[in-house]
Structure formats: structure tokens, C-alpha cells
N, C-alpha and C. Protein backbone atom coordinates (compact mmCIF):
# COMPACT_ATOMS: atom_id res chain seq x y z
N UNK A 1 112.92 77.67 71.94
CA UNK A 1 113.29 78.54 73.78
C UNK A 1 112.93 79.81 72.85
N UNK A 2 112.61 80.99 73.83
CA UNK A 2 112.43 81.91 73.27
C UNK A 2 114.07 82.78 73.56
N UNK A 3 114.50 83.30 72.85
CA UNK A 3 116.11 84.02 73.03
C UNK A 3 115.26 85.41 73.52
N UNK A 4 116.30 86.16 74.99
CA UNK A 4 115.80 86.99 75.42
C UNK A 4 117.35 88.09 74.57
N UNK A 5 116.86 89.33 74.56
CA UNK A 5 117.56 90.32 73.88
C UNK A 5 118.12 90.92 75.13
N UNK A 6 119.40 91.29 75.55
CA UNK A 6 119.87 91.92 76.25
C UNK A 6 119.85 93.49 76.26
N UNK A 7 119.87 94.33 77.14
CA UNK A 7 119.82 95.65 76.87
C UNK A 7 118.80 95.95 76.47
N UNK A 8 117.62 95.51 76.76
CA UNK A 8 116.35 96.18 76.02
C UNK A 8 116.06 97.72 76.27
N UNK A 9 115.54 98.26 75.75
CA UNK A 9 114.60 99.86 75.82
C UNK A 9 113.26 98.90 76.60
N UNK A 10 113.57 99.15 77.98
CA UNK A 10 112.52 98.83 78.84
C UNK A 10 111.48 99.95 79.04
N UNK A 11 110.61 99.83 77.75
CA UNK A 11 109.85 100.98 77.78
C UNK A 11 108.55 100.85 78.69
N UNK A 12 108.40 101.85 79.52
CA UNK A 12 106.97 101.68 80.68
C UNK A 12 105.59 101.13 80.74
N UNK A 13 105.21 101.33 79.33
CA UNK A 13 104.10 101.25 78.87
C UNK A 13 104.11 99.40 78.26
N UNK A 14 105.46 99.13 77.52
CA UNK A 14 105.49 97.58 77.64
C UNK A 14 105.89 96.52 78.91
N UNK A 15 106.41 97.19 79.71
CA UNK A 15 106.91 96.53 81.05
C UNK A 15 104.95 96.50 81.29
N UNK A 16 104.22 97.89 81.66
CA UNK A 16 103.07 97.40 82.39
C UNK A 16 102.31 96.45 81.60
N UNK A 17 102.27 96.31 80.40
CA UNK A 17 101.85 95.16 79.39
C UNK A 17 102.07 93.84 80.10
N UNK A 18 103.19 93.87 80.33
CA UNK A 18 103.96 92.82 80.61
C UNK A 18 103.54 92.37 81.83
N UNK A 19 103.55 93.04 83.11
CA UNK A 19 103.35 92.98 84.23
C UNK A 19 101.85 92.49 84.12
N UNK A 20 101.22 93.12 83.63
CA UNK A 20 99.26 92.59 83.47
C UNK A 20 98.86 91.36 82.98
N UNK A 21 99.86 90.78 83.02
CA UNK A 21 99.85 89.15 82.49
C UNK A 21 99.54 88.17 83.49
N UNK A 22 100.04 88.81 84.32
CA UNK A 22 100.04 88.10 85.71
C UNK A 22 99.07 88.82 86.78
N UNK A 23 97.61 88.03 86.91
CA UNK A 23 96.68 88.26 87.94
C UNK A 23 96.74 88.21 89.21
N UNK A 24 96.03 89.56 89.77
CA UNK A 24 96.55 89.51 91.09
C UNK A 24 94.95 90.17 91.59
N UNK A 25 94.92 89.93 92.92
CA UNK A 25 93.68 90.23 93.81
C UNK A 25 93.86 91.74 94.00
N UNK A 26 92.77 92.14 94.81
CA UNK A 26 92.39 93.75 94.73
C UNK A 26 92.48 93.63 96.20
N UNK A 27 92.99 95.06 96.87
CA UNK A 27 92.47 95.19 97.96
C UNK A 27 92.63 96.68 98.13
N UNK A 28 91.16 97.31 99.27
CA UNK A 28 91.07 98.34 99.47
C UNK A 28 91.92 98.94 101.06
N UNK A 29 92.67 99.91 101.10
CA UNK A 29 93.56 100.04 102.17
C UNK A 29 92.90 101.13 102.45
N UNK A 30 92.15 101.08 103.81
CA UNK A 30 91.44 102.68 104.65
C UNK A 30 91.49 102.98 106.16
N UNK A 31 91.52 104.13 106.13
CA UNK A 31 91.57 104.64 107.32
C UNK A 31 90.85 105.84 107.91
N UNK A 32 90.19 105.74 108.91
CA UNK A 32 89.52 107.36 109.20
C UNK A 32 90.84 108.36 109.68
N UNK A 33 90.96 109.11 108.49
CA UNK A 33 92.30 110.68 109.25
C UNK A 33 91.42 112.02 109.60
N UNK A 34 91.91 112.19 110.55
CA UNK A 34 91.29 113.96 110.83
C UNK A 34 89.61 113.64 110.37
N UNK A 35 88.99 112.54 110.98
CA UNK A 35 87.26 112.72 110.89
C UNK A 35 87.06 112.19 109.38
N UNK A 36 87.86 112.04 108.47
CA UNK A 36 87.44 111.42 106.97
C UNK A 36 87.82 110.11 106.56
N UNK A 37 87.27 109.61 105.81
CA UNK A 37 87.50 108.45 105.48
C UNK A 37 88.17 108.60 104.27
N UNK A 38 89.46 107.91 104.24
CA UNK A 38 90.67 108.11 103.12
C UNK A 38 90.73 106.43 103.13
N UNK A 39 90.98 106.36 101.66
CA UNK A 39 91.54 104.82 101.29
C UNK A 39 92.01 105.09 99.63
N UNK A 40 92.42 103.99 99.28
CA UNK A 40 92.78 104.04 98.36
C UNK A 40 93.01 102.20 97.94
N UNK A 41 92.82 101.91 96.06
CA UNK A 41 92.61 100.68 95.80
C UNK A 41 94.27 99.95 95.63
N UNK A 42 94.63 99.13 96.19
CA UNK A 42 96.29 98.78 95.29
C UNK A 42 95.84 96.62 94.97
N UNK A 43 96.53 96.74 93.63
CA UNK A 43 96.42 95.14 93.37
C UNK A 43 98.05 94.57 93.63
N UNK A 44 98.65 95.14 94.27
CA UNK A 44 100.10 94.57 94.74
C UNK A 44 99.91 93.99 96.20
N UNK A 45 98.80 93.39 97.00
CA UNK A 45 98.79 93.05 98.01
C UNK A 45 99.24 91.68 97.82
N UNK A 46 99.91 91.28 98.82
CA UNK A 46 100.84 89.91 99.31
C UNK A 46 100.95 89.27 100.80
N UNK A 47 100.88 88.21 100.93
CA UNK A 47 101.05 88.07 102.45
C UNK A 47 102.59 87.72 102.76
N UNK A 48 103.35 88.11 103.64
CA UNK A 48 104.35 87.76 104.00
C UNK A 48 105.50 87.28 104.77
N UNK A 49 104.34 87.01 106.01
CA UNK A 49 105.34 86.63 107.46
C UNK A 49 104.04 86.00 108.14
N UNK A 50 104.18 84.96 108.60
CA UNK A 50 103.29 84.55 109.65
C UNK A 50 103.81 84.96 111.34
N UNK A 51 105.06 84.92 111.30
CA UNK A 51 105.52 85.35 112.86
C UNK A 51 107.02 86.25 112.47
N UNK A 52 106.60 87.61 113.09
CA UNK A 52 105.69 88.08 113.00
C UNK A 52 104.16 88.48 111.62
N UNK A 53 102.98 88.34 111.98
CA UNK A 53 101.64 88.71 111.09
C UNK A 53 101.82 89.95 109.85
N UNK A 54 102.82 89.44 108.87
CA UNK A 54 102.59 90.49 107.99
C UNK A 54 102.24 90.45 106.67
N UNK A 55 101.85 91.46 106.01
CA UNK A 55 101.41 91.47 104.97
C UNK A 55 102.04 92.86 104.26
N UNK A 56 102.08 92.92 102.94
CA UNK A 56 102.59 94.16 101.94
C UNK A 56 101.69 94.82 101.01
N UNK A 57 102.05 96.07 100.31
CA UNK A 57 101.29 96.20 99.25
C UNK A 57 101.82 96.94 98.94
N UNK A 58 102.30 97.82 97.72
CA UNK A 58 102.88 98.51 97.16
C UNK A 58 102.19 100.30 96.61
N UNK A 59 102.59 101.47 96.78
CA UNK A 59 101.98 102.51 96.65
C UNK A 59 102.68 103.30 95.90
N UNK A 60 102.58 104.01 95.01
CA UNK A 60 103.08 105.12 94.00
C UNK A 60 103.57 106.01 94.78
N UNK A 61 105.16 106.44 94.63
CA UNK A 61 106.05 107.65 95.17
C UNK A 61 105.01 108.63 95.21
N UNK A 62 104.39 108.72 94.24
CA UNK A 62 103.45 110.04 93.99
C UNK A 62 102.30 110.46 94.03
N UNK A 63 101.84 109.26 94.53
CA UNK A 63 100.39 109.00 95.63
C UNK A 63 100.01 110.13 96.38
N UNK A 64 98.58 111.08 95.96
CA UNK A 64 98.17 111.94 97.05
C UNK A 64 97.50 111.55 98.28
N UNK A 65 97.16 110.42 98.18
CA UNK A 65 96.29 109.73 99.39
C UNK A 65 97.43 109.04 100.41
N UNK A 66 98.52 108.66 100.17
CA UNK A 66 99.63 107.35 100.67
C UNK A 66 99.99 108.61 102.32
N UNK A 67 100.21 110.21 101.61
CA UNK A 67 100.73 110.88 102.60
C UNK A 67 99.29 110.83 103.58
N UNK A 68 98.41 110.94 103.42
CA UNK A 68 97.42 111.51 104.53
C UNK A 68 97.10 109.87 105.55
N UNK A 69 96.72 108.86 104.63
CA UNK A 69 96.69 107.73 104.81
C UNK A 69 97.82 107.00 105.94
N UNK A 70 99.16 107.36 105.58
CA UNK A 70 100.19 106.69 106.24
C UNK A 70 99.87 107.43 107.92
N UNK A 71 99.19 108.28 108.01
CA UNK A 71 99.52 109.20 109.52
C UNK A 71 98.09 108.28 110.56
N UNK A 72 97.36 107.52 110.12
CA UNK A 72 96.66 106.98 110.47
C UNK A 72 97.25 105.85 111.52
N UNK A 73 96.40 105.76 113.02
CA UNK A 73 97.25 104.83 113.64
C UNK A 73 97.16 103.53 113.09
N UNK A 74 96.04 103.17 112.50
CA UNK A 74 95.48 101.69 112.27
C UNK A 74 95.15 101.75 110.85
N UNK A 75 95.01 100.87 109.89
CA UNK A 75 94.97 100.77 108.65
C UNK A 75 94.23 99.37 108.26
N UNK A 76 92.94 99.93 107.72
CA UNK A 76 92.00 98.49 107.61
C UNK A 76 92.45 97.98 105.97
N UNK A 77 92.73 97.17 105.50
CA UNK A 77 92.79 95.96 104.59
C UNK A 77 91.47 94.91 104.25
N UNK A 78 91.25 95.65 103.60
CA UNK A 78 89.77 94.35 102.64
C UNK A 78 90.13 94.00 101.41
N UNK A 79 90.08 92.68 101.09
CA UNK A 79 90.49 91.80 100.06
C UNK A 79 89.08 92.17 99.23
N UNK A 80 89.01 92.92 97.90
CA UNK A 80 87.32 92.73 97.60
C UNK A 80 87.23 91.59 96.87
N UNK A 81 85.77 91.55 96.77
CA UNK A 81 84.92 90.28 96.39
C UNK A 81 84.67 90.72 94.86
N UNK A 82 84.48 89.62 94.02
CA UNK A 82 84.43 89.68 92.74
C UNK A 82 83.43 90.33 92.25
N UNK A 83 82.32 91.17 92.98
CA UNK A 83 81.14 92.06 92.48
C UNK A 83 82.12 93.48 93.21
N UNK A 84 83.35 93.45 93.32
CA UNK A 84 83.73 95.27 93.82
C UNK A 84 84.57 95.50 92.59
N UNK A 85 84.05 95.35 91.20
CA UNK A 85 84.63 96.36 90.43
C UNK A 85 84.58 97.50 90.54
N UNK A 86 83.27 98.01 90.51
CA UNK A 86 82.70 99.40 90.50
C UNK A 86 83.54 100.42 91.55
N UNK A 87 83.13 99.35 92.96
CA UNK A 87 83.87 100.14 93.86
C UNK A 87 85.28 100.27 93.93
N UNK A 88 86.08 99.22 93.30
CA UNK A 88 87.54 99.55 92.94
C UNK A 88 87.92 100.73 91.82
N UNK A 89 87.00 100.85 91.24
CA UNK A 89 87.62 102.33 90.00
C UNK A 89 86.79 103.41 91.11
N UNK A 90 86.20 103.16 91.79
CA UNK A 90 85.61 104.46 92.76
C UNK A 90 86.73 104.74 94.06
N UNK A 91 87.29 103.61 94.17
CA UNK A 91 88.61 103.93 95.31
C UNK A 91 89.69 104.65 94.12
N UNK A 92 89.89 104.88 93.29
CA UNK A 92 90.71 104.61 92.40
C UNK A 92 89.97 106.49 91.87
N UNK A 93 88.88 107.10 92.20
CA UNK A 93 88.38 108.20 91.88
C UNK A 93 88.57 109.44 92.03
N UNK A 94 87.87 110.29 92.22
CA UNK A 94 88.17 111.57 92.88
C UNK A 94 87.92 111.32 94.71
N UNK A 95 88.52 111.81 95.34
CA UNK A 95 89.03 111.33 96.94
C UNK A 95 87.52 111.71 97.89
N UNK A 96 86.88 112.60 96.89
CA UNK A 96 85.22 113.32 97.78
C UNK A 96 84.64 112.03 97.58
N UNK A 97 84.39 111.37 96.93
CA UNK A 97 83.90 110.26 96.27
C UNK A 97 84.02 109.04 96.21
N UNK A 98 85.11 108.66 96.87
CA UNK A 98 85.67 107.27 97.06
C UNK A 98 84.66 106.51 97.96
N UNK A 99 84.02 106.65 99.21
CA UNK A 99 83.56 106.33 99.73
C UNK A 99 81.80 106.29 99.54
N UNK A 100 81.42 107.17 98.71
CA UNK A 100 80.08 107.40 98.87
C UNK A 100 79.22 105.74 98.35
N UNK A 101 78.31 105.74 98.92
CA UNK A 101 77.73 104.38 98.80
C UNK A 101 78.07 103.29 99.36
N UNK A 102 79.38 103.42 99.69
CA UNK A 102 80.09 101.91 99.91
C UNK A 102 80.02 101.54 101.83
N UNK A 103 79.21 100.86 101.90
CA UNK A 103 78.93 100.05 103.53
C UNK A 103 80.70 99.81 103.90
N UNK A 104 80.81 100.61 105.24
CA UNK A 104 82.23 100.13 105.94
C UNK A 104 82.00 100.47 107.25
N UNK A 105 83.20 99.41 107.87
CA UNK A 105 83.22 99.75 109.21
C UNK A 105 84.31 100.18 109.66
N UNK A 106 84.10 100.49 111.01
CA UNK A 106 85.76 101.31 111.55
C UNK A 106 85.94 100.74 112.69
N UNK A 107 87.21 100.29 113.08
CA UNK A 107 87.26 99.73 114.33
C UNK A 107 87.76 100.92 115.45
N UNK A 108 87.70 100.45 116.58
CA UNK A 108 87.78 102.08 117.44
C UNK A 108 89.31 102.74 117.45
N UNK A 109 90.28 101.80 116.70
CA UNK A 109 91.45 102.60 116.06
C UNK A 109 91.31 103.25 114.83
N UNK A 110 90.58 103.19 114.32
CA UNK A 110 90.14 104.33 112.79
C UNK A 110 90.59 103.37 111.47
N UNK A 111 90.66 102.15 111.62
CA UNK A 111 91.20 101.20 110.91
C UNK A 111 89.69 101.09 109.84
N UNK A 112 89.53 101.28 109.02
CA UNK A 112 88.32 100.85 107.75
C UNK A 112 88.17 99.88 107.18
N UNK A 113 87.19 98.99 107.01
CA UNK A 113 87.09 98.06 106.27
C UNK A 113 85.89 98.05 105.67
N UNK A 114 85.71 97.39 104.39
CA UNK A 114 84.57 97.23 103.63
C UNK A 114 83.73 96.16 103.86
N UNK A 115 82.52 96.18 103.92
CA UNK A 115 81.88 95.43 105.04
C UNK A 115 81.18 93.82 103.50
N UNK A 116 81.22 93.80 102.63
CA UNK A 116 81.30 92.81 101.96
C UNK A 116 82.90 92.27 101.27
N UNK A 117 83.79 92.65 101.68
CA UNK A 117 84.94 91.64 101.37
C UNK A 117 84.94 90.64 101.63
N UNK A 118 86.02 89.85 101.18
CA UNK A 118 85.98 88.48 101.33
C UNK A 118 87.10 88.12 102.71
N UNK A 119 87.85 88.81 103.14
CA UNK A 119 88.50 88.98 104.21
C UNK A 119 88.80 90.83 104.98
N UNK A 120 89.01 91.02 105.93
CA UNK A 120 89.24 92.21 106.19
C UNK A 120 90.29 92.01 107.41
N UNK A 121 91.30 93.10 108.06
CA UNK A 121 92.69 92.81 108.41
C UNK A 121 93.09 94.05 109.01
N UNK A 122 93.14 94.09 110.36
CA UNK A 122 92.99 95.80 111.07
C UNK A 122 94.89 95.56 111.32
N UNK A 123 95.96 96.81 110.25
CA UNK A 123 97.09 96.72 110.85
C UNK A 123 97.69 98.18 111.09
N UNK A 124 98.71 98.06 111.44
CA UNK A 124 99.63 99.25 111.20
C UNK A 124 100.66 98.94 110.98
N UNK A 125 101.41 100.12 110.51
CA UNK A 125 102.39 100.22 109.49
C UNK A 125 104.01 99.74 110.40
N UNK A 126 104.61 98.84 109.98
CA UNK A 126 105.68 97.71 110.21
C UNK A 126 107.08 98.81 109.79
N UNK A 127 106.54 99.08 108.22
CA UNK A 127 108.15 99.34 107.65
C UNK A 127 107.55 99.79 106.23
N UNK A 128 108.28 100.96 105.59
CA UNK A 128 108.24 101.47 104.45
C UNK A 128 109.26 101.62 103.93
N UNK A 129 109.19 100.86 102.56
CA UNK A 129 110.74 100.36 101.72
C UNK A 129 110.73 101.27 100.23
N UNK A 130 111.50 101.92 100.14
CA UNK A 130 111.73 102.65 98.90
C UNK A 130 112.02 101.69 97.65
N UNK A 131 111.27 101.61 96.91
CA UNK A 131 111.34 100.41 95.38
C UNK A 131 111.03 101.30 94.27
N UNK A 132 112.25 101.91 93.51
CA UNK A 132 112.05 102.59 92.34
C UNK A 132 111.07 103.60 92.57
N UNK A 133 109.56 103.59 91.74
CA UNK A 133 108.65 104.49 91.73
C UNK A 133 107.83 104.07 92.57
N UNK A 134 107.77 103.42 93.28
CA UNK A 134 106.58 102.96 94.53
C UNK A 134 107.43 102.87 95.67
N UNK A 135 106.74 102.79 96.49
CA UNK A 135 107.11 102.36 97.72
C UNK A 135 106.37 101.25 98.42
N UNK A 136 107.13 99.93 99.01
CA UNK A 136 106.66 98.77 99.63
C UNK A 136 106.18 99.31 101.09
N UNK A 137 104.93 98.94 101.00
CA UNK A 137 104.39 99.16 102.71
C UNK A 137 104.00 97.80 103.47
N UNK A 138 104.99 97.59 104.66
CA UNK A 138 104.77 96.28 105.54
C UNK A 138 103.58 96.38 106.56
N UNK A 139 103.00 95.63 106.49
CA UNK A 139 101.66 96.22 107.88
C UNK A 139 101.92 94.98 108.82
N UNK A 140 101.90 95.23 110.20
CA UNK A 140 101.23 94.07 111.10
C UNK A 140 100.33 94.13 111.18
N UNK A 141 99.92 92.86 110.83
CA UNK A 141 98.28 92.63 111.75
C UNK A 141 98.00 92.32 113.46
N UNK A 142 97.03 92.94 113.35
CA UNK A 142 96.60 92.89 114.78
C UNK A 142 95.09 91.80 114.51
N UNK A 143 94.25 92.33 113.65
CA UNK A 143 92.88 91.17 113.90
C UNK A 143 92.43 90.90 112.49
N UNK A 144 92.23 89.90 111.85
CA UNK A 144 91.94 89.31 110.95
C UNK A 144 89.72 89.08 111.05
N UNK A 145 89.40 88.91 109.87
CA UNK A 145 88.09 88.25 109.71
C UNK A 145 88.11 88.31 108.44
N UNK A 146 87.11 86.78 108.09
CA UNK A 146 86.64 86.51 106.93
C UNK A 146 85.72 85.55 106.91
N UNK A 147 84.74 86.05 106.21
CA UNK A 147 83.42 85.12 105.96
C UNK A 147 83.99 83.39 105.45
N UNK A 148 83.40 82.50 105.06
CA UNK A 148 83.80 80.73 104.85
C UNK A 148 83.49 81.00 103.18
N UNK A 149 82.97 82.06 102.64
CA UNK A 149 82.70 82.49 101.55
C UNK A 149 83.23 83.42 100.64
N UNK A 150 83.12 83.69 99.25
CA UNK A 150 82.87 84.63 98.80
C UNK A 150 84.36 84.26 97.56
N UNK A 151 84.67 84.86 96.51
CA UNK A 151 85.68 84.95 95.43
C UNK A 151 85.93 86.14 95.33
N UNK A 152 87.42 86.24 95.25
CA UNK A 152 88.37 87.60 94.97
C UNK A 152 87.95 88.11 93.35
N UNK A 153 88.18 89.72 93.68
CA UNK A 153 87.89 90.62 92.50
C UNK A 153 89.60 90.18 91.88
N UNK A 154 89.58 90.15 90.62
CA UNK A 154 90.94 89.76 90.16
C UNK A 154 91.15 90.49 89.11
N UNK A 155 92.37 91.29 89.26
CA UNK A 155 92.81 92.12 88.11
C UNK A 155 93.96 91.77 87.18
N UNK A 156 93.46 91.84 85.70
CA UNK A 156 94.48 90.77 84.98
C UNK A 156 94.21 91.79 83.48
N UNK A 157 95.63 92.34 82.94
CA UNK A 157 95.30 92.57 81.74
C UNK A 157 94.44 94.00 81.88
N UNK A 158 94.70 94.72 82.36
CA UNK A 158 94.21 96.43 82.79
C UNK A 158 92.87 96.15 83.17
N UNK A 159 92.02 95.00 83.56
CA UNK A 159 90.55 94.71 83.72
C UNK A 159 90.46 93.88 84.97
N UNK A 160 88.90 93.98 85.45
CA UNK A 160 88.81 93.06 86.20
C UNK A 160 88.00 91.94 85.95
N UNK A 161 87.80 90.83 86.70
CA UNK A 161 87.57 89.81 86.20
C UNK A 161 87.15 88.53 87.50
N UNK A 162 87.04 87.73 87.50
CA UNK A 162 86.74 86.85 88.60
C UNK A 162 87.54 85.28 88.25
N UNK A 163 87.41 84.51 89.18
CA UNK A 163 88.33 83.18 89.48
C UNK A 163 86.85 82.40 88.58
N UNK A 164 87.50 81.43 88.04
CA UNK A 164 86.49 80.34 87.26
C UNK A 164 86.78 79.28 88.07
N UNK A 165 85.96 78.03 89.16
CA UNK A 165 85.88 77.03 89.48
C UNK A 165 86.79 75.73 88.33
N UNK A 166 87.51 75.61 88.82
CA UNK A 166 88.15 74.68 87.99
C UNK A 166 87.39 73.27 88.31
N UNK A 167 87.10 72.23 87.20
CA UNK A 167 86.77 71.09 87.43
C UNK A 167 87.54 69.78 87.47
N UNK A 168 88.11 69.30 88.61
CA UNK A 168 89.15 68.42 88.67
C UNK A 168 88.31 67.12 88.68
N UNK A 169 89.34 65.98 88.72
CA UNK A 169 88.37 64.28 88.88
C UNK A 169 89.69 63.59 89.83
N UNK A 170 89.26 62.80 90.74
CA UNK A 170 90.16 62.54 91.62
C UNK A 170 90.62 60.97 91.00
N UNK A 171 91.46 61.01 90.98
CA UNK A 171 92.27 59.45 90.69
C UNK A 171 91.68 57.90 91.21
């Protein structure tokens, strides 16, 4: 059994590496704000509650995009498909180019979703919780769409990948 050393120096780079061993899906959070498509990518998305229907993601306190995005009446959340690696990098790049060549749809309320995602949600901000150097954003769901096919984009060890179907046998 591994023995933990207490009072370790929890170096941020060491923590990032340790956190990266846990694979996560990736989402795009987007809206039309003041007539401009605004969005970001997040690998911290999770379901929270069925009643009321809630999901969450985390965003860095220092995000330059979140102050604009949070002003939107509705936010679109898209679970990115396994072919969206380049789109995810683009969403983390220069603000003016984040949606270049990306097919999107917008709701009447301004929620923006990517057309080829494996699930799309129309949401409003339910609550924001400060948590260290991030903000946990709880979103209330108002609509959901998802095709019956597709695999998620996976973020693992600072890179993108895809799920591989496991072969199982019936006893």
C-alpha cells in the first residue's frame, strides 16, 4: 500500500498532472452576446440534478470570456464529439477566431450550440460558486437535444482522445 506524506508541497504543475489522469468529456459553452458569438471550452462538465435539472462546469476566475458570456440570457452547452479536437483548441484560442468555420445554431433566446455535438443543452445560470481559482457554474436546463449516435471527445493527460468500445462476453 502507498503511504501518503502529509504536508506535501502541492505544486500546481504536479497537481495539474495528477488531475489529468482522470479522463473527462469536453463541452463548448456559448451564446450570442451583443450580436457576437461568444464561447469557451470546458473539461469540467458534469450532471448535477434531475429535479431541478442542473449541470455544472468550472471556469477560471481570470477568464476573459466568462464576464461577457455570463451576461447572456441563455447559454448553449454542447458535448463535443470525438472529432472536435481541433474545434476545442479553436475555442481556447483567439476570441475573434473561435467560431470560424464552425457550424452552430442559436435559439431564440441566444443560446448557441455546435451542430455536430453529441448533445446540446439550452440553459440559464442557476448559481455561481467561488471555489479557489475557479468559479463553479450551475446551469438550469430548459431544453435538450441529442442524436442516438456519436462518441464524446475525451480530455486525458493534457491531450484529446476517444473512447474505445470494450468487448464483453455474456456469462
